[in-house]
PDB file of N, CA and C in Angstrom:
ATOM      1  N   MET A   1      14.919  -2.199  19.496  1.00  0.00           N
ATOM      2  CA  MET A   1      13.217  -1.713  19.038  1.00  0.00           C
ATOM      3  C   MET A   1      12.299  -2.518  18.881  1.00  0.00           C
ATOM      4  N   SER A   2      11.264  -2.436  19.324  1.00  0.00           N
ATOM      5  CA  SER A   2       9.805  -3.272  18.557  1.00  0.00           C
ATOM      6  C   SER A   2       9.259  -3.120  17.226  1.00  0.00           C
ATOM      7  N   ALA A   3       9.118  -3.974  16.247  1.00  0.00           N
ATOM      8  CA  ALA A   3       8.326  -3.763  15.064  1.00  0.00           C
ATOM      9  C   ALA A   3       6.773  -2.803  15.290  1.00  0.00           C
ATOM     10  N   LYS A   4       6.659  -2.430  14.476  1.00  0.00           N
ATOM     11  CA  LYS A   4       5.297  -1.434  14.694  1.00  0.00           C
ATOM     12  C   LYS A   4       3.924  -2.372  14.319  1.00  0.00           C
ATOM     13  N   LEU A   5       3.586  -2.730  15.119  1.00  0.00           N
ATOM     14  CA  LEU A   5       2.251  -3.567  15.079  1.00  0.00           C
ATOM     15  C   LEU A   5       1.034  -2.725  14.211  1.00  0.00           C
ATOM     16  N   THR A   6       0.495  -3.598  13.080  1.00  0.00           N
ATOM     17  CA  THR A   6      -0.431  -3.022  12.128  1.00  0.00           C
ATOM     18  C   THR A   6      -1.684  -3.894  12.128  1.00  0.00           C
ATOM     19  N   PRO A   7      -2.752  -3.567  11.886  1.00  0.00           N
ATOM     20  CA  PRO A   7      -3.694  -4.736  11.463  1.00  0.00           C
ATOM     21  C   PRO A   7      -3.109  -5.741  10.540  1.00  0.00           C
ATOM     22  N   ALA A   8      -2.721  -5.272   9.320  1.00  0.00           N
ATOM     23  CA  ALA A   8      -2.024  -6.176   8.173  1.00  0.00           C
ATOM     24  C   ALA A   8      -1.197  -7.603   8.791  1.00  0.00           C
ATOM     25  N   LYS A   9      -0.280  -7.052  10.065  1.00  0.00           N
ATOM     26  CA  LYS A   9       0.528  -8.113  10.425  1.00  0.00           C
ATOM     27  C   LYS A   9      -0.349  -8.876  11.394  1.00  0.00           C
ATOM     28  N   VAL A  10      -1.217  -8.393  12.133  1.00  0.00           N
ATOM     29  CA  VAL A  10      -2.332  -9.587  12.652  1.00  0.00           C
ATOM     30  C   VAL A  10      -2.746 -10.053  11.996  1.00  0.00           C
ATOM     31  N   GLU A  11      -3.539 -10.026  11.173  1.00  0.00           N
ATOM     32  CA  GLU A  11      -4.279 -10.939   9.949  1.00  0.00           C
ATOM     33  C   GLU A  11      -3.121 -11.688   9.223  1.00  0.00           C
ATOM     34  N   LYS A  12      -2.035 -11.212   8.982  1.00  0.00           N
ATOM     35  CA  LYS A  12      -0.760 -12.450   8.384  1.00  0.00           C
ATOM     36  C   LYS A  12      -0.397 -13.390   9.476  1.00  0.00           C
ATOM     37  N   PHE A  13      -0.319 -12.986  10.879  1.00  0.00           N
ATOM     38  CA  PHE A  13      -0.248 -13.994  11.899  1.00  0.00           C
ATOM     39  C   PHE A  13      -0.992 -14.757  12.217  1.00  0.00           C
ATOM     40  N   GLU A  14      -2.613 -14.545  11.895  1.00  0.00           N
ATOM     41  CA  GLU A  14      -3.992 -15.200  12.122  1.00  0.00           C
ATOM     42  C   GLU A  14      -3.758 -16.237  11.349  1.00  0.00           C
ATOM     43  N   ALA A  15      -3.621 -15.585   9.857  1.00  0.00           N
ATOM     44  CA  ALA A  15      -3.432 -16.559   8.849  1.00  0.00           C
ATOM     45  C   ALA A  15      -2.411 -17.649   9.183  1.00  0.00           C
ATOM     46  N   HIS A  16      -1.246 -17.185   9.628  1.00  0.00           N
ATOM     47  CA  HIS A  16      -0.006 -18.298   9.726  1.00  0.00           C
ATOM     48  C   HIS A  16      -0.431 -19.533  10.898  1.00  0.00           C
ATOM     49  N   ILE A  17      -1.152 -18.757  12.129  1.00  0.00           N
ATOM     50  CA  ILE A  17      -2.074 -20.129  12.631  1.00  0.00           C
ATOM     51  C   ILE A  17      -3.097 -20.540  12.519  1.00  0.00           C
ATOM     52  N   LYS A  18      -3.899 -20.317  11.510  1.00  0.00           N
ATOM     53  CA  LYS A  18      -4.585 -21.379  11.088  1.00  0.00           C
ATOM     54  C   LYS A  18      -4.379 -22.139  10.051  1.00  0.00           C
ATOM     55  N   ARG A  19      -3.340 -21.631   8.763  1.00  0.00           N
ATOM     56  CA  ARG A  19      -2.476 -22.874   8.386  1.00  0.00           C
ATOM     57  C   ARG A  19      -1.767 -23.782   9.331  1.00  0.00           C
ATOM     58  N   SER A  20      -1.106 -23.068   9.955  1.00  0.00           N
ATOM     59  CA  SER A  20      -0.198 -24.347  10.434  1.00  0.00           C
ATOM     60  C   SER A  20      -1.179 -25.377  11.547  1.00  0.00           C
ATOM     61  N   TYR A  21      -2.337 -25.114  12.225  1.00  0.00           N
ATOM     62  CA  TYR A  21      -2.586 -25.759  13.228  1.00  0.00           C
ATOM     63  C   TYR A  21      -4.252 -25.559  12.355  1.00  0.00           C
ATOM     64  N   GLU A  22      -4.191 -26.618  11.491  1.00  0.00           N
ATOM     65  CA  GLU A  22      -5.756 -27.219  10.976  1.00  0.00           C
ATOM     66  C   GLU A  22      -6.994 -27.467  11.800  1.00  0.00           C
ATOM     67  N   GLY A  23      -8.203 -26.765  11.814  1.00  0.00           N
ATOM     68  CA  GLY A  23      -9.015 -27.004  12.564  1.00  0.00           C
ATOM     69  C   GLY A  23      -9.244 -26.009  13.632  1.00  0.00           C
ATOM     70  N   VAL A  24      -8.199 -25.096  13.590  1.00  0.00           N
ATOM     71  CA  VAL A  24      -7.877 -24.196  15.075  1.00  0.00           C
ATOM     72  C   VAL A  24      -8.983 -23.095  14.306  1.00  0.00           C
ATOM     73  N   VAL A  25     -10.052 -22.514  15.780  1.00  0.00           N
ATOM     74  CA  VAL A  25     -10.355 -21.413  15.275  1.00  0.00           C
ATOM     75  C   VAL A  25      -9.816 -20.167  15.990  1.00  0.00           C
ATOM     76  N   PHE A  26      -9.066 -19.078  15.420  1.00  0.00           N
ATOM     77  CA  PHE A  26      -8.468 -18.158  15.874  1.00  0.00           C
ATOM     78  C   PHE A  26      -8.517 -16.754  15.543  1.00  0.00           C
ATOM     79  N   ASP A  27      -9.071 -15.975  16.407  1.00  0.00           N
ATOM     80  CA  ASP A  27      -9.256 -14.696  15.972  1.00  0.00           C
ATOM     81  C   ASP A  27      -8.556 -13.691  17.247  1.00  0.00           C
ATOM     82  N   LEU A  28      -8.029 -12.498  16.346  1.00  0.00           N
ATOM     83  CA  LEU A  28      -7.356 -11.565  16.955  1.00  0.00           C
ATOM     84  C   LEU A  28      -7.990 -10.300  16.772  1.00  0.00           C
ATOM     85  N   MET A  29      -7.580  -9.108  17.554  1.00  0.00           N
ATOM     86  CA  MET A  29      -8.058  -8.044  16.984  1.00  0.00           C
ATOM     87  C   MET A  29      -7.401  -6.949  17.893  1.00  0.00           C
ATOM     88  N   VAL A  30      -6.922  -6.488  17.052  1.00  0.00           N
ATOM     89  CA  VAL A  30      -6.000  -4.924  17.573  1.00  0.00           C
ATOM     90  C   VAL A  30      -6.390  -3.684  18.164  1.00  0.00           C
ATOM     91  N   THR A  31      -5.989  -3.304  18.981  1.00  0.00           N
ATOM     92  CA  THR A  31      -6.877  -2.023  19.516  1.00  0.00           C
ATOM     93  C   THR A  31      -5.657  -1.228  19.912  1.00  0.00           C
ATOM     94  N   HIS A  32      -6.072   0.273  19.849  1.00  0.00           N
ATOM     95  CA  HIS A  32      -4.917   1.048  20.323  1.00  0.00           C
ATOM     96  C   HIS A  32      -5.769   1.864  21.335  1.00  0.00           C
ATOM     97  N   ASN A  33      -4.640   2.278  22.468  1.00  0.00           N
ATOM     98  CA  ASN A  33      -5.005   2.705  23.910  1.00  0.00           C
ATOM     99  C   ASN A  33      -4.328   3.715  24.222  1.00  0.00           C
ATOM    100  N   LEU A  34      -4.756   5.179  24.179  1.00  0.00           N
ATOM    101  CA  LEU A  34      -4.254   6.078  24.257  1.00  0.00           C
ATOM    102  C   LEU A  34      -2.379   6.172  25.326  1.00  0.00           C
ATOM    103  N   ARG A  35      -2.824   5.435  26.453  1.00  0.00           N
ATOM    104  CA  ARG A  35      -1.807   4.854  27.814  1.00  0.00           C
ATOM    105  C   ARG A  35      -1.154   3.854  27.491  1.00  0.00           C
ATOM    106  N   LEU A  36      -1.669   2.838  27.049  1.00  0.00           N
ATOM    107  CA  LEU A  36      -1.299   1.594  26.713  1.00  0.00           C
ATOM    108  C   LEU A  36      -0.672   1.188  25.372  1.00  0.00           C
ATOM    109  N   GLY A  37      -0.874   2.179  24.475  1.00  0.00           N
ATOM    110  CA  GLY A  37      -0.626   1.649  23.113  1.00  0.00           C
ATOM    111  C   GLY A  37      -1.236   0.618  22.643  1.00  0.00           C
ATOM    112  N   ARG A  38      -0.526   0.060  21.624  1.00  0.00           N
ATOM    113  CA  ARG A  38      -1.498  -1.140  20.769  1.00  0.00           C
ATOM    114  C   ARG A  38      -1.880  -2.504  21.769  1.00  0.00           C
ATOM    115  N   ILE A  39      -2.759  -3.055  21.709  1.00  0.00           N
ATOM    116  CA  ILE A  39      -3.197  -3.762  21.986  1.00  0.00           C
ATOM    117  C   ILE A  39      -3.829  -5.292  21.575  1.00  0.00           C
ATOM    118  N   LEU A  40      -3.095  -6.488  21.820  1.00  0.00           N
ATOM    119  CA  LEU A  40      -4.179  -7.743  21.002  1.00  0.00           C
ATOM    120  C   LEU A  40      -5.167  -8.109  21.762  1.00  0.00           C
ATOM    121  N   GLU A  41      -6.191  -8.318  21.371  1.00  0.00           N
ATOM    122  CA  GLU A  41      -7.309  -9.079  22.164  1.00  0.00           C
ATOM    123  C   GLU A  41      -7.519 -10.526  21.340  1.00  0.00           C
ATOM    124  N   LEU A  42      -7.416 -11.305  22.282  1.00  0.00           N
ATOM    125  CA  LEU A  42      -7.661 -12.730  21.831  1.00  0.00           C
ATOM    126  C   LEU A  42      -8.936 -12.855  21.956  1.00  0.00           C
ATOM    127  N   ILE A  43      -9.862 -12.998  20.915  1.00  0.00           N
ATOM    128  CA  ILE A  43     -11.081 -13.194  20.537  1.00  0.00           C
ATOM    129  C   ILE A  43     -11.668 -14.531  20.747  1.00  0.00           C
ATOM    130  N   TRP A  44     -10.734 -15.325  19.656  1.00  0.00           N
ATOM    131  CA  TRP A  44     -11.059 -16.980  20.264  1.00  0.00           C
ATOM    132  C   TRP A  44      -9.976 -17.581  19.829  1.00  0.00           C
ATOM    133  N   ILE A  45     -10.123 -19.066  20.652  1.00  0.00           N
ATOM    134  CA  ILE A  45      -9.136 -19.688  20.536  1.00  0.00           C
ATOM    135  C   ILE A  45      -9.471 -21.160  20.751  1.00  0.00           C
ATOM    136  N   ILE A  46      -9.921 -22.162  20.053  1.00  0.00           N
ATOM    137  CA  ILE A  46     -10.609 -22.803  20.163  1.00  0.00           C
ATOM    138  C   ILE A  46     -10.036 -24.155  19.176  1.00  0.00           C
ATOM    139  N   VAL A  47      -9.514 -25.033  20.550  1.00  0.00           N
ATOM    140  CA  VAL A  47      -8.933 -25.860  19.571  1.00  0.00           C
ATOM    141  C   VAL A  47      -9.577 -27.823  19.769  1.00  0.00           C
ATOM    142  N   GLN A  48      -9.612 -28.147  18.908  1.00  0.00           N
ATOM    143  CA  GLN A  48     -10.770 -29.526  19.028  1.00  0.00           C
ATOM    144  C   GLN A  48     -10.133 -30.513  19.799  1.00  0.00           C
ATOM    145  N   ASP A  49      -8.899 -30.906  19.394  1.00  0.00           N
ATOM    146  CA  ASP A  49      -8.382 -32.201  19.956  1.00  0.00           C
ATOM    147  C   ASP A  49      -7.308 -31.339  20.858  1.00  0.00           C
ATOM    148  N   ARG A  50      -7.936 -31.845  22.208  1.00  0.00           N
ATOM    149  CA  ARG A  50      -7.138 -30.917  23.281  1.00  0.00           C
ATOM    150  C   ARG A  50      -6.192 -32.113  24.164  1.00  0.00           C
ATOM    151  N   LYS A  51      -5.094 -31.762  24.965  1.00  0.00           N
ATOM    152  CA  LYS A  51      -4.512 -32.426  25.697  1.00  0.00           C
ATOM    153  C   LYS A  51      -3.071 -32.951  24.529  1.00  0.00           C
ATOM    154  N   ARG A  52      -2.678 -32.403  23.363  1.00  0.00           N
ATOM    155  CA  ARG A  52      -1.631 -32.689  22.443  1.00  0.00           C
ATOM    156  C   ARG A  52      -1.012 -31.600  22.390  1.00  0.00           C
ATOM    157  N   GLY A  53      -1.388 -30.413  23.342  1.00  0.00           N
ATOM    158  CA  GLY A  53       0.155 -29.402  23.222  1.00  0.00           C
ATOM    159  C   GLY A  53      -0.515 -28.284  22.055  1.00  0.00           C
ATOM    160  N   ILE A  54      -1.354 -28.475  21.337  1.00  0.00           N
ATOM    161  CA  ILE A  54      -1.636 -27.236  20.300  1.00  0.00           C
ATOM    162  C   ILE A  54      -1.945 -25.977  20.791  1.00  0.00           C
ATOM    163  N   GLY A  55      -2.839 -26.029  21.374  1.00  0.00           N
ATOM    164  CA  GLY A  55      -3.245 -24.790  22.784  1.00  0.00           C
ATOM    165  C   GLY A  55      -2.063 -24.450  22.998  1.00  0.00           C
ATOM    166  N   THR A  56      -0.861 -24.513  23.710  1.00  0.00           N
ATOM    167  CA  THR A  56       0.262 -24.259  24.078  1.00  0.00           C
ATOM    168  C   THR A  56       0.959 -23.902  23.206  1.00  0.00           C
ATOM    169  N   ALA A  57       1.362 -24.593  22.201  1.00  0.00           N
ATOM    170  CA  ALA A  57       1.980 -24.013  20.757  1.00  0.00           C
ATOM    171  C   ALA A  57       1.570 -22.980  20.445  1.00  0.00           C
ATOM    172  N   ILE A  58      -0.036 -22.724  20.114  1.00  0.00           N
ATOM    173  CA  ILE A  58      -0.499 -21.407  19.603  1.00  0.00           C
ATOM    174  C   ILE A  58       0.101 -20.214  20.577  1.00  0.00           C
ATOM    175  N   MET A  59      -0.073 -20.500  22.037  1.00  0.00           N
ATOM    176  CA  MET A  59      -0.067 -19.491  22.974  1.00  0.00           C
ATOM    177  C   MET A  59       1.440 -19.219  23.138  1.00  0.00           C
ATOM    178  N   ARG A  60       2.340 -20.118  22.921  1.00  0.00           N
ATOM    179  CA  ARG A  60       3.939 -19.671  22.517  1.00  0.00           C
ATOM    180  C   ARG A  60       3.873 -18.488  21.376  1.00  0.00           C
ATOM    181  N   GLU A  61       3.535 -19.225  20.368  1.00  0.00           N
ATOM    182  CA  GLU A  61       3.696 -18.212  19.325  1.00  0.00           C
ATOM    183  C   GLU A  61       2.918 -16.923  19.411  1.00  0.00           C
ATOM    184  N   LEU A  62       2.009 -16.575  19.679  1.00  0.00           N
ATOM    185  CA  LEU A  62       1.012 -15.623  20.080  1.00  0.00           C
ATOM    186  C   LEU A  62       2.065 -14.372  21.483  1.00  0.00           C
ATOM    187  N   CYS A  63       2.539 -15.251  22.046  1.00  0.00           N
ATOM    188  CA  CYS A  63       3.260 -14.303  23.198  1.00  0.00           C
ATOM    189  C   CYS A  63       4.441 -13.929  22.521  1.00  0.00           C
ATOM    190  N   GLU A  64       5.141 -14.434  21.591  1.00  0.00           N
ATOM    191  CA  GLU A  64       6.600 -14.372  20.768  1.00  0.00           C
ATOM    192  C   GLU A  64       6.192 -12.994  20.180  1.00  0.00           C
ATOM    193  N   PHE A  65       5.000 -13.315  19.139  1.00  0.00           N
ATOM    194  CA  PHE A  65       4.684 -12.238  18.550  1.00  0.00           C
ATOM    195  C   PHE A  65       4.044 -11.042  19.036  1.00  0.00           C
ATOM    196  N   ALA A  66       3.408 -10.849  20.199  1.00  0.00           N
ATOM    197  CA  ALA A  66       3.195  -9.809  21.062  1.00  0.00           C
ATOM    198  C   ALA A  66       4.243  -9.098  21.196  1.00  0.00           C
ATOM    199  N   ASP A  67       5.371 -10.180  21.893  1.00  0.00           N
ATOM    200  CA  ASP A  67       6.643  -9.486  22.445  1.00  0.00           C
ATOM    201  C   ASP A  67       7.107  -8.669  21.357  1.00  0.00           C
ATOM    202  N   ARG A  68       7.460  -9.312  20.352  1.00  0.00           N
ATOM    203  CA  ARG A  68       7.989  -8.376  19.249  1.00  0.00           C
ATOM    204  C   ARG A  68       7.790  -7.537  18.903  1.00  0.00           C
ATOM    205  N   HIS A  69       6.375  -7.179  19.279  1.00  0.00           N
ATOM    206  CA  HIS A  69       5.586  -5.586  18.772  1.00  0.00           C
ATOM    207  C   HIS A  69       5.500  -4.871  20.252  1.00  0.00           C
ATOM    208  N   ALA A  70       5.828  -5.591  21.097  1.00  0.00           N
ATOM    209  CA  ALA A  70       5.755  -4.624  22.468  1.00  0.00           C
ATOM    210  C   ALA A  70       4.198  -4.296  22.742  1.00  0.00           C
ATOM    211  N   ALA A  71       3.538  -5.579  22.285  1.00  0.00           N
ATOM    212  CA  ALA A  71       1.951  -5.533  22.661  1.00  0.00           C
ATOM    213  C   ALA A  71       1.533  -6.382  23.581  1.00  0.00           C
ATOM    214  N   GLU A  72       0.403  -5.644  24.330  1.00  0.00           N
ATOM    215  CA  GLU A  72      -0.155  -6.005  25.680  1.00  0.00           C
ATOM    216  C   GLU A  72      -1.042  -7.356  24.888  1.00  0.00           C
ATOM    217  N   ILE A  73      -1.324  -8.074  25.717  1.00  0.00           N
ATOM    218  CA  ILE A  73      -2.572  -9.355  24.917  1.00  0.00           C
ATOM    219  C   ILE A  73      -3.393  -9.234  26.008  1.00  0.00           C
ATOM    220  N   ARG A  74      -4.852  -9.202  25.866  1.00  0.00           N
ATOM    221  CA  ARG A  74      -6.077  -9.221  26.717  1.00  0.00           C
ATOM    222  C   ARG A  74      -7.317 -10.127  26.095  1.00  0.00           C
ATOM    223  N   LEU A  75      -7.594 -10.711  27.234  1.00  0.00           N
ATOM    224  CA  LEU A  75      -8.339 -11.768  26.688  1.00  0.00           C
ATOM    225  C   LEU A  75      -9.730 -12.191  27.865  1.00  0.00           C
ATOM    226  N   THR A  76     -10.690 -12.886  27.766  1.00  0.00           N
ATOM    227  CA  THR A  76     -11.314 -13.248  28.534  1.00  0.00           C
ATOM    228  C   THR A  76     -11.630 -14.700  28.402  1.00  0.00           C
ATOM    229  N   PRO A  77     -11.634 -15.493  29.309  1.00  0.00           N
ATOM    230  CA  PRO A  77     -11.577 -16.844  29.327  1.00  0.00           C
ATOM    231  C   PRO A  77     -12.810 -17.570  29.581  1.00  0.00           C
ATOM    232  N   ALA A  78     -13.631 -18.279  28.039  1.00  0.00           N
ATOM    233  CA  ALA A  78     -14.665 -18.526  28.155  1.00  0.00           C
ATOM    234  C   ALA A  78     -15.125 -19.699  29.347  1.00  0.00           C
ATOM    235  N   SER A  79     -16.139 -19.671  29.560  1.00  0.00           N
ATOM    236  CA  SER A  79     -16.640 -21.042  30.617  1.00  0.00           C
ATOM    237  C   SER A  79     -17.214 -22.553  29.593  1.00  0.00           C
ATOM    238  N   LYS A  80     -17.857 -23.073  30.338  1.00  0.00           N
ATOM    239  CA  LYS A  80     -18.104 -24.550  29.780  1.00  0.00           C
ATOM    240  C   LYS A  80     -19.784 -23.945  29.135  1.00  0.00           C
ATOM    241  N   GLY A  81     -20.779 -23.012  29.604  1.00  0.00           N
ATOM    242  CA  GLY A  81     -21.553 -22.978  28.759  1.00  0.00           C
ATOM    243  C   GLY A  81     -21.349 -21.919  27.496  1.00  0.00           C
ATOM    244  N   ASP A  82     -20.305 -21.611  27.438  1.00  0.00           N
ATOM    245  CA  ASP A  82     -20.391 -20.469  26.249  1.00  0.00           C
ATOM    246  C   ASP A  82     -20.249 -21.305  24.803  1.00  0.00           C
ATOM    247  N   TYR A  83     -20.365 -20.964  24.020  1.00  0.00           N
ATOM    248  CA  TYR A  83     -20.406 -21.378  22.621  1.00  0.00           C
ATOM    249  C   TYR A  83     -18.983 -22.105  22.529  1.00  0.00           C
ATOM    250  N   ALA A  84     -19.027 -23.191  22.236  1.00  0.00           N
ATOM    251  CA  ALA A  84     -17.733 -24.306  21.782  1.00  0.00           C
ATOM    252  C   ALA A  84     -16.969 -24.264  23.027  1.00  0.00           C
ATOM    253  N   ALA A  85     -16.905 -23.813  24.223  1.00  0.00           N
ATOM    254  CA  ALA A  85     -15.915 -23.950  25.432  1.00  0.00           C
ATOM    255  C   ALA A  85     -16.609 -25.334  25.852  1.00  0.00           C
ATOM    256  N   THR A  86     -15.525 -26.211  26.088  1.00  0.00           N
ATOM    257  CA  THR A  86     -15.612 -27.736  26.352  1.00  0.00           C
ATOM    258  C   THR A  86     -14.774 -27.698  27.801  1.00  0.00           C
ATOM    259  N   THR A  87     -14.364 -26.808  28.335  1.00  0.00           N
ATOM    260  CA  THR A  87     -13.333 -26.920  29.564  1.00  0.00           C
ATOM    261  C   THR A  87     -14.195 -25.699  30.785  1.00  0.00           C
ATOM    262  N   SER A  88     -13.623 -25.709  32.023  1.00  0.00           N
ATOM    263  CA  SER A  88     -13.892 -24.699  32.915  1.00  0.00           C
ATOM    264  C   SER A  88     -13.328 -23.227  33.030  1.00  0.00           C
ATOM    265  N   ARG A  89     -13.771 -22.335  33.348  1.00  0.00           N
ATOM    266  CA  ARG A  89     -13.190 -20.954  33.121  1.00  0.00           C
ATOM    267  C   ARG A  89     -12.130 -21.157  34.082  1.00  0.00           C
ATOM    268  N   ALA A  90     -12.299 -21.561  35.208  1.00  0.00           N
ATOM    269  CA  ALA A  90     -11.114 -21.871  36.167  1.00  0.00           C
ATOM    270  C   ALA A  90      -9.665 -22.647  35.399  1.00  0.00           C
ATOM    271  N   ARG A  91     -10.073 -23.692  34.893  1.00  0.00           N
ATOM    272  CA  ARG A  91      -9.152 -24.579  34.349  1.00  0.00           C
ATOM    273  C   ARG A  91      -8.406 -23.462  33.000  1.00  0.00           C
ATOM    274  N   LEU A  92      -9.001 -22.831  32.323  1.00  0.00           N
ATOM    275  CA  LEU A  92      -8.702 -21.422  31.763  1.00  0.00           C
ATOM    276  C   LEU A  92      -7.592 -20.646  31.948  1.00  0.00           C
ATOM    277  N   VAL A  93      -8.123 -20.443  32.899  1.00  0.00           N
ATOM    278  CA  VAL A  93      -7.397 -19.055  33.813  1.00  0.00           C
ATOM    279  C   VAL A  93      -5.988 -19.710  34.181  1.00  0.00           C
ATOM    280  N   ARG A  94      -5.946 -21.134  34.840  1.00  0.00           N
ATOM    281  CA  ARG A  94      -4.559 -21.687  34.873  1.00  0.00           C
ATOM    282  C   ARG A  94      -3.980 -21.998  34.070  1.00  0.00           C
ATOM    283  N   PHE A  95      -4.155 -22.245  32.645  1.00  0.00           N
ATOM    284  CA  PHE A  95      -3.896 -22.404  31.546  1.00  0.00           C
ATOM    285  C   PHE A  95      -3.110 -21.100  31.446  1.00  0.00           C
ATOM    286  N   TYR A  96      -3.770 -19.760  31.062  1.00  0.00           N
ATOM    287  CA  TYR A  96      -3.136 -18.828  30.761  1.00  0.00           C
ATOM    288  C   TYR A  96      -2.527 -18.156  31.487  1.00  0.00           C
ATOM    289  N   LYS A  97      -2.306 -18.427  32.940  1.00  0.00           N
ATOM    290  CA  LYS A  97      -1.727 -17.992  33.760  1.00  0.00           C
ATOM    291  C   LYS A  97      -0.059 -18.393  33.601  1.00  0.00           C
ATOM    292  N   ARG A  98      -0.026 -19.776  32.525  1.00  0.00           N
ATOM    293  CA  ARG A  98       1.530 -20.149  32.612  1.00  0.00           C
ATOM    294  C   ARG A  98       2.367 -19.743  31.391  1.00  0.00           C
ATOM    295  N   PHE A  99       1.320 -18.684  31.001  1.00  0.00           N
ATOM    296  CA  PHE A  99       1.954 -18.022  29.701  1.00  0.00           C
ATOM    297  C   PHE A  99       2.331 -16.382  30.133  1.00  0.00           C
ATOM    298  N   GLY A 100       2.000 -16.185  31.703  1.00  0.00           N
ATOM    299  CA  GLY A 100       2.394 -14.684  32.136  1.00  0.00           C
ATOM    300  C   GLY A 100       0.807 -13.851  32.409  1.00  0.00           C
ATOM    301  N   PHE A 101      -0.163 -14.378  31.863  1.00  0.00           N
ATOM    302  CA  PHE A 101      -1.205 -13.787  32.060  1.00  0.00           C
ATOM    303  C   PHE A 101      -1.786 -13.305  33.525  1.00  0.00           C
ATOM    304  N   VAL A 102      -2.399 -12.556  33.977  1.00  0.00           N
ATOM    305  CA  VAL A 102      -3.016 -12.038  35.196  1.00  0.00           C
ATOM    306  C   VAL A 102      -4.331 -11.130  35.176  1.00  0.00           C
ATOM    307  N   LYS A 103      -4.956 -11.321  36.217  1.00  0.00           N
ATOM    308  CA  LYS A 103      -6.306 -10.688  36.115  1.00  0.00           C
ATOM    309  C   LYS A 103      -6.147  -9.215  36.164  1.00  0.00           C
ATOM    310  N   ASP A 104      -6.529  -8.393  35.291  1.00  0.00           N
ATOM    311  CA  ASP A 104      -6.703  -6.969  34.902  1.00  0.00           C
ATOM    312  C   ASP A 104      -7.180  -6.533  35.929  1.00  0.00           C
ATOM    313  N   ARG A 105      -6.402  -5.812  37.325  1.00  0.00           N
ATOM    314  CA  ARG A 105      -6.612  -5.085  38.395  1.00  0.00           C
ATOM    315  C   ARG A 105      -7.421  -3.792  38.215  1.00  0.00           C
ATOM    316  N   GLY A 106      -7.357  -3.317  36.673  1.00  0.00           N
ATOM    317  CA  GLY A 106      -7.704  -1.890  36.566  1.00  0.00           C
ATOM    318  C   GLY A 106      -9.397  -2.203  35.995  1.00  0.00           C
ATOM    319  N   GLN A 107      -9.984  -3.332  35.351  1.00  0.00           N
ATOM    320  CA  GLN A 107     -11.645  -3.584  35.106  1.00  0.00           C
ATOM    321  C   GLN A 107     -12.096  -3.315  36.146  1.00  0.00           C
ATOM    322  N   SER A 108     -13.360  -2.993  35.919  1.00  0.00           N
ATOM    323  CA  SER A 108     -14.554  -2.331  36.823  1.00  0.00           C
ATOM    324  C   SER A 108     -14.985  -3.479  37.241  1.00  0.00           C
ATOM    325  N   HIS A 109     -15.140  -4.052  38.597  1.00  0.00           N
ATOM    326  CA  HIS A 109     -15.745  -5.205  39.025  1.00  0.00           C
ATOM    327  C   HIS A 109     -17.047  -5.057  39.043  1.00  0.00           C
ATOM    328  N   GLU A 110     -17.645  -3.966  39.296  1.00  0.00           N
ATOM    329  CA  GLU A 110     -19.219  -3.459  39.337  1.00  0.00           C
ATOM    330  C   GLU A 110     -20.216  -3.956  38.500  1.00  0.00           C
ATOM    331  N   PHE A 111     -19.436  -4.354  37.352  1.00  0.00           N
ATOM    332  CA  PHE A 111     -20.271  -4.737  35.977  1.00  0.00           C
ATOM    333  C   PHE A 111     -19.947  -5.983  35.650  1.00  0.00           C
ATOM    334  N   THR A 112     -18.624  -6.610  35.840  1.00  0.00           N
ATOM    335  CA  THR A 112     -18.923  -8.411  35.672  1.00  0.00           C
ATOM    336  C   THR A 112     -17.983  -8.769  36.730  1.00  0.00           C
ATOM    337  N   THR A 113     -18.298 -10.193  36.904  1.00  0.00           N
ATOM    338  CA  THR A 113     -17.692 -11.146  37.529  1.00  0.00           C
ATOM    339  C   THR A 113     -16.370 -11.846  36.769  1.00  0.00           C
ATOM    340  N   ILE A 114     -16.771 -11.720  35.637  1.00  0.00           N
ATOM    341  CA  ILE A 114     -15.872 -12.682  34.471  1.00  0.00           C
ATOM    342  C   ILE A 114     -14.348 -11.936  34.423  1.00  0.00           C
ATOM    343  N   PRO A 115     -13.533 -12.597  34.946  1.00  0.00           N
ATOM    344  CA  PRO A 115     -12.081 -12.075  34.834  1.00  0.00           C
ATOM    345  C   PRO A 115     -11.751 -11.700  33.150  1.00  0.00           C
ATOM    346  N   VAL A 116     -11.019 -10.330  33.000  1.00  0.00           N
ATOM    347  CA  VAL A 116     -10.506 -10.098  32.072  1.00  0.00           C
ATOM    348  C   VAL A 116      -8.934 -10.373  32.576  1.00  0.00           C
ATOM    349  N   LEU A 117      -8.253 -11.368  31.731  1.00  0.00           N
ATOM    350  CA  LEU A 117      -6.820 -11.278  31.928  1.00  0.00           C
ATOM    351  C   LEU A 117      -5.911 -10.544  30.998  1.00  0.00           C
ATOM    352  N   VAL A 118      -4.778 -10.437  31.487  1.00  0.00           N
ATOM    353  CA  VAL A 118      -3.434  -9.443  30.401  1.00  0.00           C
ATOM    354  C   VAL A 118      -2.411 -10.189  30.665  1.00  0.00           C
ATOM    355  N   ARG A 119      -1.403  -9.829  29.404  1.00  0.00           N
ATOM    356  CA  ARG A 119      -0.042 -10.496  29.561  1.00  0.00           C
ATOM    357  C   ARG A 119       0.210  -9.140  29.251  1.00  0.00           C
ATOM    358  N   LYS A 120       1.416  -8.085  29.623  1.00  0.00           N
ATOM    359  CA  LYS A 120       2.245  -7.383  29.159  1.00  0.00           C
ATOM    360  C   LYS A 120       3.259  -7.951  28.758  1.00  0.00           C
ATOM    361  N   PRO A 121       3.853  -6.840  27.514  1.00  0.00           N
ATOM    362  CA  PRO A 121       5.436  -7.840  26.791  1.00  0.00           C
ATOM    363  C   PRO A 121       6.248  -7.720  27.550  1.00  0.00           C
ATOM    364  N   VAL A 122       6.768  -9.032  27.314  1.00  0.00           N
ATOM    365  CA  VAL A 122       8.337  -9.234  27.730  1.00  0.00           C
ATOM    366  C   VAL A 122       9.198  -8.480  26.674  1.00  0.00           C
ATOM    367  N   VAL A 123      10.007  -7.491  26.732  1.00  0.00           N
ATOM    368  CA  VAL A 123      11.047  -6.720  26.043  1.00  0.00           C
ATOM    369  C   VAL A 123      12.332  -7.132  26.457  1.00  0.00           C
TER     370      VAL A 123
END
């Protein structure tokens, strides 16, 4: 049985990531969907020193946290022109797919061409 996901637990996890990985910008939001339950939305993950495994380590911890709480993770990959983004959206989509993220087939493609990625919990 999974532990109940609360905003306080999410805040504690965010604080842990920020303490453990100095200089990283990391923000989550927890929402509730009647059909899907609790959802973690990854708002920001900005790693200054790329190609050192920091982003990978953070994503592993985030996936483990979400799995412990049976929570789906949703995110919208940034692109090079976005605030603080230093890479291409295509590269980020490939990066997130390594952690089990897939394009959300339920999103309305009429309104946006920006992919929303989703990762279901592994329980």
